[in-house]
Amino acid sequence: MNKLKLEYEMKMKGISAAEMCNALKISRSAFYRKCNGKTEFTRREIEKIIEILGINKVEALEEIFFDEKVS
């Protein structure tokens, strides 16, 4: 999870954390746990974030949600 990239995309679209939480129907604490890697976003949440931000799905998955390098 690349929290900084997600925050960047949200700022570029003018979407606050509160607005994102409302759209995802999750609490702010749940959102922050997910952003900080304590828990994971669900598939539905990921799809909704991509839709809200209007970003490319493949790039979003690679750069935001599955950004960890595996060797």
Protein backbone atom coordinates (compact mmCIF):
# COMPACT_ATOMS: atom_id res chain seq x y z
CA MET A 1 0.00 0.00 0.00
CA ASN A 2 1.43 3.34 -1.08
CA LYS A 3 -0.28 5.79 1.27
CA LEU A 4 1.51 8.82 -0.17
CA LYS A 5 0.38 8.03 -3.72
CA LEU A 6 -3.22 7.61 -2.56
CA GLU A 7 -3.08 10.89 -0.63
CA TYR A 8 -1.58 12.61 -3.69
CA GLU A 9 -4.35 11.35 -5.98
CA MET A 10 -6.99 12.41 -3.47
CA LYS A 11 -5.49 15.91 -3.21
CA MET A 12 -5.28 16.23 -6.98
CA LYS A 13 -9.00 15.47 -7.23
CA GLY A 14 -9.89 17.62 -4.22
CA ILE A 15 -11.25 14.69 -2.22
CA SER A 16 -10.83 14.75 1.55
CA ALA A 17 -10.39 11.71 3.74
CA ALA A 18 -13.85 12.36 5.20
CA GLU A 19 -15.41 12.38 1.72
CA MET A 20 -13.59 9.18 0.79
CA CYS A 21 -14.72 7.50 4.01
CA ASN A 22 -18.29 8.56 3.35
CA ALA A 23 -18.18 7.21 -0.21
CA LEU A 24 -16.68 3.91 0.99
CA LYS A 25 -19.10 3.72 3.93
CA ILE A 26 -16.29 3.13 6.42
CA SER A 27 -15.14 5.04 9.49
CA ARG A 28 -12.16 7.37 9.43
CA SER A 29 -10.29 5.07 11.80
CA ALA A 30 -10.90 2.11 9.47
CA PHE A 31 -9.70 4.19 6.51
CA TYR A 32 -6.51 5.20 8.30
CA ARG A 33 -5.83 1.61 9.42
CA LYS A 34 -6.14 0.52 5.80
CA CYS A 35 -3.94 3.35 4.52
CA ASN A 36 -1.27 2.50 7.08
CA GLY A 37 -1.27 -1.20 6.24
CA LYS A 38 -2.80 -2.43 9.50
CA THR A 39 -5.74 -3.92 7.58
CA GLU A 40 -6.45 -4.26 3.86
CA PHE A 41 -8.91 -2.57 1.56
CA THR A 42 -11.55 -4.92 0.20
CA ARG A 43 -11.89 -5.46 -3.53
CA ARG A 44 -15.09 -3.39 -3.51
CA GLU A 45 -13.33 -0.54 -1.70
CA ILE A 46 -10.42 -0.57 -4.14
CA GLU A 47 -12.77 -0.49 -7.11
CA LYS A 48 -14.73 2.38 -5.55
CA ILE A 49 -11.56 4.39 -4.85
CA ILE A 50 -10.41 3.93 -8.45
CA GLU A 51 -13.84 5.03 -9.67
CA ILE A 52 -13.96 8.08 -7.38
CA LEU A 53 -10.45 9.20 -8.32
CA GLY A 54 -10.97 8.48 -12.02
CA ILE A 55 -7.58 6.85 -12.36
CA ASN A 56 -6.34 3.98 -14.50
CA LYS A 57 -7.14 0.67 -12.81
CA VAL A 58 -3.92 -1.13 -13.70
CA GLU A 59 -1.72 1.77 -12.64
CA ALA A 60 -3.70 2.23 -9.43
CA LEU A 61 -3.37 -1.43 -8.52
CA GLU A 62 0.37 -1.44 -9.21
CA GLU A 63 1.27 1.99 -7.81
CA ILE A 64 -1.11 2.36 -4.88
CA PHE A 65 -2.56 -0.90 -3.65
CA PHE A 66 0.06 -3.52 -4.53
CA ASP A 67 3.18 -1.42 -4.52
CA GLU A 68 5.39 -3.71 -2.41
CA LYS A 69 8.27 -5.31 -4.25
CA VAL A 70 8.40 -9.09 -4.01
CA SER A 71 11.58 -10.97 -4.87
